[in-house]
C-alpha cells in the first residue's frame, strides 16, 4: 500500500522548481565582530548567547554608520539593498521575462513603497499583465505558502512560469545595545543575517533529472503562541523578539504535525529521504531534530546554513534547499520534506520529489 501511495505521489503534476538561487551581502562578519558592532563586548549574557547559537558568520549590510541612523533614515538604502539581493539571485536563473506570468516577493521589510515586486517588474521588463503579489510579515515560514501560492497561480497561466523571491535585509532594523534592553533583543541580534532566495517554478517538466517537484504542502499555526516571535518596533528601537519556549514548542509539536501531513498520503517518517529543516537557531534546529528522531547527518544541510549565514528569515528555506542538493545530491524519485517555522508560531510543510 505504501509503495503504491508513493508511486501515485511521484506521478502527481505539481509545479517543478526549475531553478534555484541565493544571494547575500559581500561582507561576512564573525560573531565576535558583531558583538563589538552592537556594543555587546564584555556583556556575559550576550557573549554566551552569541557563542551557542550555532552561527559562525553572517552576511550583513551593517556598519557603525548604519547603526547610528534611525530606521526611517535607513529606509532608502535598505530598499536598495533588497533590490540588489533580489537581482543578484535572479541573475543566476535562466528564464525568459516574456514567459513569466507570476511574480511573488516577500520579506519582513514593509516601511515604504513601491514594493520590491513593483520594482522587479520594472527592472526585469516583465509584462504588464503579470500577476504580482508582495507578502510581508510571514517571515521564516514564508517559503511554503509562497511556493504554494505560486503553484496555484500558475494553474491559470498554462505554459508560463513563476518567480518566487524571499529577500531579507534585517540589518535595516538592527540597533545597538541600550541600557535596559530586553534579553530577547540580544537573542535576535545573535541570529539573523541578510540574504535572498529565488526560485523559478514551472507547471511542466523540469530542465533535467534531479529537479524537485512540489507534491503537497500545508501550513499550520500553533494555538497560543502569538507571543513567541515578534518584530518589535518602537520610536527609536527595533528588533526581532524570540521566545525561550520556541525549541520546546518545536520538539513537542512538530512530530504529530509531520505524521498528520504524511499519513493521508500513505507515507511515514521513514519514507522521507531528505529533511530540510528551518535553521532558525541552534535551539530550534536541535528541538526539531530531537522531536523527529533525526541524526546529525540528516540535519547537516540545515546546520551548515545556520553556521555560515545565520537565520535569513524568509530566504532560509531556499538556502537549505540549495545546500541539500549540494551536500546530498538527491537521486531521482527520492522524497524530501521541507519544514519552515515562523511567526504565529506557523509551521509550513512541503513534500518534494526529485
Foldseek 3Di string as FASTA:
>chain_A
DLVVLLVVLLPDLFKFQQDKFKFAAPDKDALVRLCVLQVNPPPVLLVVLLVAFLAGIAGAPADNVLQVDFLVVCVVVLQVVQLVRQCVGVVVDDDDLAQAQEEEEEEADDPDDDDSQVVVCVVRVHDPNRHYDYYHDFWQQQPQVQSVVQRVVCVVVARGKYKYKYWYRCSSAQHHDDPPDDVQQSNQSSFEHTMMMMTIIHSHDHPDFPTKGWRDKDKDQDPPCQPAWDFDDDPGHTGIGGHPCLLVCLLPPVQVVQQVVCVVSSDHPVLAPAEQEQLQTPSNLVSNCNSSVHDCVRCVLSSVCCHHHGHNINRRSSSSVVSCCVPPVDGASHKYWHWTADRSRMIMIIIMGD
